[in-house]
Protein backbone atom coordinates (compact mmCIF):
# COMPACT_ATOMS: atom_id res chain seq x y z
CA UNK A 1 4.70 -37.73 -1.32
CA UNK A 2 3.27 -36.67 2.02
CA UNK A 3 0.23 -34.40 2.18
CA UNK A 4 -0.48 -32.28 5.26
CA UNK A 5 -4.08 -32.15 6.48
CA UNK A 6 -4.97 -29.68 9.24
CA UNK A 7 -8.40 -29.66 10.84
CA UNK A 8 -10.20 -26.73 12.46
CA UNK A 9 -8.83 -27.25 15.96
CA UNK A 10 -5.28 -27.76 14.71
CA UNK A 11 -5.42 -24.47 12.78
CA UNK A 12 -6.65 -22.60 15.84
CA UNK A 13 -3.88 -24.12 17.96
CA UNK A 14 -1.07 -23.37 15.48
CA UNK A 15 -2.17 -19.94 14.21
CA UNK A 16 -2.34 -17.48 17.11
CA UNK A 17 -3.85 -14.08 16.47
CA UNK A 18 -0.67 -12.11 17.15
CA UNK A 19 1.29 -14.37 14.81
CA UNK A 20 -1.36 -14.07 12.12
CA UNK A 21 -1.35 -10.27 12.34
CA UNK A 22 2.38 -10.30 11.58
CA UNK A 23 1.88 -12.78 8.72
CA UNK A 24 -0.86 -10.60 7.22
CA UNK A 25 1.26 -7.44 7.43
CA UNK A 26 4.03 -9.20 5.52
CA UNK A 27 1.59 -10.54 2.92
CA UNK A 28 -0.02 -7.14 2.32
CA UNK A 29 3.39 -5.52 1.88
CA UNK A 30 4.32 -8.26 -0.60
CA UNK A 31 1.08 -7.64 -2.52
CA UNK A 32 1.87 -3.93 -2.73
CA UNK A 33 5.29 -4.86 -4.12
CA UNK A 34 3.64 -7.07 -6.77
CA UNK A 35 5.12 -10.27 -5.37
CA UNK A 36 1.76 -12.03 -5.75
CA UNK A 37 -0.47 -12.77 -8.72
CA UNK A 38 -3.98 -12.04 -7.43
CA UNK A 39 -6.96 -12.52 -9.78
CA UNK A 40 -10.55 -11.88 -8.79
CA UNK A 41 -12.45 -14.68 -7.13
CA UNK A 42 -15.02 -16.72 -9.03
CA UNK A 43 -18.47 -16.99 -7.44
CA UNK A 44 -20.71 -19.94 -8.27
CA UNK A 45 -24.37 -19.38 -7.38
CA UNK A 46 -26.80 -21.96 -8.75
CA UNK A 47 -30.39 -20.79 -9.04
CA UNK A 48 -32.47 -21.62 -6.00
CA UNK A 49 -29.52 -22.56 -3.77
CA UNK A 50 -29.24 -20.76 -0.43
CA UNK A 51 -25.46 -20.52 -0.52
CA UNK A 52 -22.58 -19.83 -2.90
CA UNK A 53 -19.19 -21.33 -3.66
CA UNK A 54 -16.20 -19.02 -4.02
CA UNK A 55 -12.97 -20.07 -5.73
CA UNK A 56 -10.01 -17.91 -4.72
CA UNK A 57 -6.70 -18.64 -6.50
CA UNK A 58 -3.35 -16.88 -6.17
CA UNK A 59 0.38 -17.34 -6.80
CA UNK A 60 3.38 -16.17 -4.77
CA UNK A 61 6.55 -15.47 -6.75
CA UNK A 62 10.09 -15.91 -5.51
CA UNK A 63 12.37 -18.58 -4.10
CA UNK A 64 9.48 -20.04 -2.07
CA UNK A 65 6.96 -19.94 -4.90
CA UNK A 66 3.53 -21.32 -4.11
CA UNK A 67 0.11 -21.67 -5.67
CA UNK A 68 -2.85 -21.30 -3.34
CA UNK A 69 -6.53 -22.03 -3.83
CA UNK A 70 -9.33 -21.57 -1.35
CA UNK A 71 -12.57 -23.29 -2.28
CA UNK A 72 -15.21 -22.19 0.15
CA UNK A 73 -18.99 -22.34 0.44
CA UNK A 74 -20.80 -19.50 2.18
CA UNK A 75 -24.19 -20.34 3.67
CA UNK A 76 -25.49 -17.41 5.79
CA UNK A 77 -28.18 -19.63 7.31
CA UNK A 78 -25.61 -21.88 8.96
CA UNK A 79 -25.69 -19.87 12.18
CA UNK A 80 -29.11 -21.32 12.95
CA UNK A 81 -27.55 -24.77 12.64
CA UNK A 82 -24.69 -23.94 14.98
CA UNK A 83 -22.20 -23.96 12.08
CA UNK A 84 -19.86 -21.37 10.62
CA UNK A 85 -21.23 -19.71 7.49
CA UNK A 86 -17.89 -20.47 5.80
CA UNK A 87 -17.13 -24.09 4.92
CA UNK A 88 -14.26 -25.32 2.77
CA UNK A 89 -10.57 -25.88 2.38
CA UNK A 90 -7.35 -24.06 1.49
CA UNK A 91 -4.99 -25.98 -0.78
CA UNK A 92 -1.30 -25.22 -0.99
CA UNK A 93 0.78 -26.27 -4.03
CA UNK A 94 4.51 -26.16 -4.74
CA UNK A 95 5.13 -23.29 -7.15
CA UNK A 96 7.82 -25.13 -9.13
CA UNK A 97 6.39 -28.59 -9.70
CA UNK A 98 2.72 -28.21 -8.77
CA UNK A 99 2.84 -30.82 -5.99
CA UNK A 100 -0.11 -30.59 -3.60
CA UNK A 101 1.42 -29.84 -0.18
CA UNK A 102 -1.49 -29.24 2.17
CA UNK A 103 -5.25 -29.17 2.61
CA UNK A 104 -6.25 -26.95 5.52
CA UNK A 105 -9.60 -26.12 7.10
CA UNK A 106 -10.76 -22.89 5.48
CA UNK A 107 -13.31 -21.95 8.09
CA UNK A 108 -10.62 -21.59 10.74
CA UNK A 109 -8.17 -19.79 8.45
CA UNK A 110 -10.87 -17.38 7.25
CA UNK A 111 -12.00 -16.50 10.75
CA UNK A 112 -8.49 -15.80 12.02
CA UNK A 113 -6.91 -14.11 9.00
CA UNK A 114 -9.91 -11.83 8.34
CA UNK A 115 -9.75 -10.49 11.88
CA UNK A 116 -5.97 -10.25 11.67
CA UNK A 117 -6.19 -8.07 8.55
CA UNK A 118 -8.71 -5.84 10.33
CA UNK A 119 -6.21 -5.61 13.18
CA UNK A 120 -3.53 -4.47 10.73
CA UNK A 121 -5.91 -1.81 9.42
CA UNK A 122 -6.79 -0.73 12.95
CA UNK A 123 -3.14 -0.58 14.01
CA UNK A 124 -2.31 1.74 11.11
CA UNK A 125 -5.54 3.75 10.72
CA UNK A 126 -7.29 4.10 14.09
CA UNK A 127 -6.33 6.90 16.44
CA UNK A 128 -3.55 5.78 18.81
CA UNK A 129 -5.71 6.40 21.89
CA UNK A 130 -8.77 4.53 20.56
CA UNK A 131 -10.21 2.44 23.40
CA UNK A 132 -13.97 2.12 22.81
CA UNK A 133 -15.03 -0.67 20.43
CA UNK A 134 -18.41 -1.36 18.85
CA UNK A 135 -19.05 -4.74 17.24
CA UNK A 136 -22.10 -5.15 15.05
CA UNK A 137 -22.72 -8.88 14.78
CA UNK A 138 -22.28 -11.76 17.20
CA UNK A 139 -21.06 -14.64 15.05
CA UNK A 140 -17.70 -16.24 14.33
CA UNK A 141 -16.14 -13.08 12.92
CA UNK A 142 -17.32 -11.01 15.86
CA UNK A 143 -15.48 -13.37 18.19
CA UNK A 144 -12.18 -13.34 16.32
CA UNK A 145 -12.41 -9.58 15.80
CA UNK A 146 -12.73 -8.98 19.53
CA UNK A 147 -9.49 -10.90 20.04
CA UNK A 148 -7.79 -9.13 17.13
CA UNK A 149 -8.76 -5.63 18.26
CA UNK A 150 -7.36 -6.28 21.74
CA UNK A 151 -4.04 -7.17 20.12
CA UNK A 152 -3.59 -3.68 18.64
CA UNK A 153 -5.41 -1.33 21.04
CA UNK A 154 -5.94 -1.21 24.81
CA UNK A 155 -9.72 -1.46 24.91
CA UNK A 156 -11.65 -0.31 27.94
CA UNK A 157 -15.20 -0.87 26.71
CA UNK A 158 -16.76 -3.09 24.06
CA UNK A 159 -20.43 -2.85 23.12
CA UNK A 160 -22.02 -5.55 20.99
CA UNK A 161 -25.23 -5.38 18.97
CA UNK A 162 -26.71 -8.15 16.85
CA UNK A 163 -29.91 -8.98 15.03
CA UNK A 164 -31.38 -10.10 18.34
CA UNK A 165 -30.40 -8.84 21.80
CA UNK A 166 -30.24 -12.45 23.00
CA UNK A 167 -27.44 -13.15 20.51
CA UNK A 168 -25.43 -10.19 21.80
CA UNK A 169 -26.01 -11.32 25.40
CA UNK A 170 -24.84 -14.83 24.56
CA UNK A 171 -21.72 -13.36 22.95
CA UNK A 172 -20.94 -11.33 26.08
CA UNK A 173 -21.48 -14.30 28.39
CA UNK A 174 -19.13 -16.44 26.30
CA UNK A 175 -16.42 -13.88 25.62
CA UNK A 176 -16.20 -11.86 28.86
CA UNK A 177 -14.04 -14.50 30.62
CA UNK A 178 -11.57 -14.30 27.73
CA UNK A 179 -10.87 -10.56 27.88
CA UNK A 180 -10.09 -7.86 30.43
CA UNK A 181 -12.18 -5.34 28.48
CA UNK A 182 -15.69 -4.63 29.77
CA UNK A 183 -18.24 -6.18 27.41
CA UNK A 184 -21.82 -4.97 27.14
CA UNK A 185 -24.71 -6.26 25.05
CA UNK A 186 -26.92 -3.51 23.66
CA UNK A 187 -30.18 -3.59 21.73
CA UNK A 188 -29.26 -1.54 18.65
CA UNK A 189 -26.25 -0.66 16.50
CA UNK A 190 -26.85 3.01 17.32
CA UNK A 191 -26.29 2.28 21.03
CA UNK A 192 -23.16 0.28 20.28
CA UNK A 193 -21.66 2.96 18.06
CA UNK A 194 -22.40 5.95 20.30
CA UNK A 195 -18.96 7.39 21.07
CA UNK A 196 -17.09 4.36 19.69
CA UNK A 197 -13.51 4.90 18.48
CA UNK A 198 -13.40 1.61 16.54
CA UNK A 199 -16.35 -0.06 14.81
CA UNK A 200 -16.48 -3.56 13.35
CA UNK A 201 -19.40 -4.64 11.16
CA UNK A 202 -19.42 -8.42 10.87
CA UNK A 203 -22.92 -9.34 9.78
CA UNK A 204 -24.74 -11.20 7.03
CA UNK A 205 -26.90 -8.12 6.34
CA UNK A 206 -27.84 -7.13 2.81
CA UNK A 207 -28.92 -3.61 3.82
CA UNK A 208 -26.98 -1.04 5.88
CA UNK A 209 -26.69 -1.73 9.60
CA UNK A 210 -25.48 1.80 10.39
CA UNK A 211 -26.14 5.46 9.71
CA UNK A 212 -23.60 8.23 9.30
CA UNK A 213 -25.14 10.15 12.21
CA UNK A 214 -24.15 7.39 14.64
CA UNK A 215 -20.43 7.62 13.87
CA UNK A 216 -18.24 9.82 16.06
CA UNK A 217 -15.53 12.08 14.61
CA UNK A 218 -12.22 10.25 14.35
CA UNK A 219 -13.73 6.76 14.41
CA UNK A 220 -12.21 3.91 12.42
CA UNK A 221 -14.49 1.32 10.76
CA UNK A 222 -13.68 -2.22 9.68
CA UNK A 223 -16.41 -3.42 7.31
CA UNK A 224 -15.97 -7.17 6.87
CA UNK A 225 -19.37 -8.82 6.57
CA UNK A 226 -20.23 -8.63 2.87
CA UNK A 227 -18.47 -9.56 -0.38
CA UNK A 228 -21.38 -9.41 -2.84
CA UNK A 229 -21.96 -6.52 -5.26
CA UNK A 230 -25.62 -6.52 -4.22
CA UNK A 231 -25.22 -6.48 -0.42
CA UNK A 232 -23.86 -3.86 1.94
CA UNK A 233 -23.48 -3.10 5.63
CA UNK A 234 -22.40 0.55 5.23
CA UNK A 235 -24.82 3.30 4.19
CA UNK A 236 -24.08 5.66 1.31
CA UNK A 237 -23.66 8.71 3.56
CA UNK A 238 -20.91 6.97 5.53
CA UNK A 239 -19.13 5.76 2.39
CA UNK A 240 -19.19 9.32 1.08
CA UNK A 241 -17.98 10.93 4.31
CA UNK A 242 -15.27 8.43 5.24
CA UNK A 243 -11.76 8.08 3.89
CA UNK A 244 -11.81 4.64 2.29
CA UNK A 245 -9.05 2.04 2.36
CA UNK A 246 -9.29 -1.43 0.82
CA UNK A 247 -7.34 -4.67 0.68
CA UNK A 248 -7.35 -4.56 -3.14
CA UNK A 249 -8.74 -1.85 -5.44
CA UNK A 250 -9.69 -4.25 -8.21
CA UNK A 251 -11.66 -6.37 -5.76
CA UNK A 252 -13.46 -3.38 -4.25
CA UNK A 253 -14.42 -1.97 -7.66
CA UNK A 254 -15.84 -5.31 -8.79
CA UNK A 255 -17.11 -7.06 -5.66
CA UNK A 256 -17.81 -4.68 -2.77
CA UNK A 257 -21.48 -3.82 -2.50
CA UNK A 258 -20.65 -1.21 0.15
CA UNK A 259 -18.70 0.67 -2.53
CA UNK A 260 -20.65 -0.30 -5.66
CA UNK A 261 -24.13 0.62 -4.42
CA UNK A 262 -22.93 4.01 -3.19
CA UNK A 263 -21.16 4.50 -6.55
CA UNK A 264 -24.33 3.62 -8.48
CA UNK A 265 -26.13 6.26 -6.45
CA UNK A 266 -23.55 8.79 -7.65
CA UNK A 267 -22.12 9.50 -4.19
CA UNK A 268 -18.58 8.20 -4.68
CA UNK A 269 -16.15 7.09 -7.36
CA UNK A 270 -12.76 5.35 -7.56
CA UNK A 271 -11.04 8.52 -6.39
CA UNK A 272 -12.69 8.08 -2.98
CA UNK A 273 -10.46 5.06 -2.32
CA UNK A 274 -7.30 6.59 -0.87
CA UNK A 275 -5.16 3.47 -0.86
CA UNK A 276 -4.81 -0.24 -0.53
CA UNK A 277 -3.76 -1.23 2.97
CA UNK A 278 -0.45 -2.60 1.72
CA UNK A 279 0.31 0.78 0.15
CA UNK A 280 -0.10 2.39 3.56
CA UNK A 281 2.24 -0.16 5.10
CA UNK A 282 4.94 0.53 2.52
CA UNK A 283 4.54 4.31 2.83
CA UNK A 284 3.41 4.69 -0.79
CA UNK A 285 0.18 6.36 0.37
CA UNK A 286 -0.88 8.23 3.47
CA UNK A 287 -3.09 6.65 6.10
CA UNK A 288 -5.06 8.73 8.57
CA UNK A 289 -4.54 12.46 8.01
CA UNK A 290 -6.12 13.90 11.18
CA UNK A 291 -7.50 12.80 14.54
CA UNK A 292 -11.04 13.79 13.49
CA UNK A 293 -11.02 11.97 10.14
CA UNK A 294 -13.36 8.98 9.83
CA UNK A 295 -11.44 6.09 8.23
CA UNK A 296 -13.05 3.00 6.76
CA UNK A 297 -11.34 -0.24 5.79
CA UNK A 298 -13.45 -2.31 3.42
CA UNK A 299 -12.26 -5.89 3.72
CA UNK A 300 -13.22 -8.39 1.02
CA UNK A 301 -10.67 -11.05 1.87
CA UNK A 302 -7.95 -12.04 -0.55
CA UNK A 303 -6.50 -15.37 -1.62
CA UNK A 304 -3.03 -14.04 -0.80
CA UNK A 305 -4.12 -13.89 2.85
CA UNK A 306 -5.22 -17.51 2.75
CA UNK A 307 -2.00 -18.59 1.02
CA UNK A 308 0.14 -16.67 3.51
CA UNK A 309 -1.68 -18.24 6.45
CA UNK A 310 -1.51 -21.71 4.90
CA UNK A 311 2.21 -21.37 4.14
CA UNK A 312 2.88 -20.30 7.72
CA UNK A 313 0.83 -23.22 9.03
CA UNK A 314 2.65 -25.65 6.73
CA UNK A 315 6.03 -24.55 8.00
CA UNK A 316 4.96 -24.58 11.64
CA UNK A 317 3.33 -28.00 11.30
CA UNK A 318 6.58 -29.35 9.86
CA UNK A 319 8.58 -27.92 12.75
CA UNK A 320 6.22 -29.26 15.42
CA UNK A 321 5.20 -32.50 13.66
CA UNK A 322 1.58 -31.36 13.90
CA UNK A 323 -1.42 -32.37 11.81
CA UNK A 324 -1.89 -35.50 9.73
CA UNK A 325 0.73 -36.36 7.12
CA UNK A 326 -0.68 -38.90 4.66
CA UNK A 327 0.52 -40.59 1.50
CA UNK A 328 -1.22 -39.02 -1.49
């Protein structure tokens, strides 16, 4: 048998953002139609270790049945080393005989598909005339989210705030040649969010990086930086005031610190989650209900997204004879 191996650069070359947005829309619709088996992830955190390992399995039913497993380590301190915080691989298996089909760089898939899912949320939930973007964070996800947001809205201004102004300035210097939108580095999240129509939080923060008072009426938020029950980027007042959408209810109720901490404080409950994003795409639940409503998409990242991206990459690599095909 031949096993496909795709490295980071090959993933980036094969999986364009616009293509990935379409792949994610299809995957989220399939999830809403129960065409995937999607258990919760398993987190392995040894005492005294500065990172965690997450195991994210899934299964896609149907004529093209597949098993998928992402095994990924998350080390927030990697930025200081010039490395992505996410390190690992996505494995793709034949759903009928279990044959291992592919091993694909997970860092690249995670960066692209996470931003693509946020783009799906923004396409369906942000106001149609939204053109002012705030990005909180200046790492890998901030970069892919800038590209993703420009795919679904015509942005005129983008303000970026990070833990250090120098990081935001470096981001602007690197990314300005890649976009026609005007980029600006600012010193604080409050400055970035002032008047913003779309807000992306892509940080490694454990405490809120925003306050409700900084959010304009009608803004849409994509909260993507945390997946731990004990960490959050979004303050309780914002969680309470916003209309909440998630990628998966079960995941949000068990893993999302943004939701769980606010719930422990008695501010919100399960009824505050209007819908899963796939349910909005299928028309089962309403998305935005007014131009002044503040909408919030809490993204945790799902194994179905990794499987869908990996399956697309596998097919495209076959068609273009890309990657390394090795005997296994």
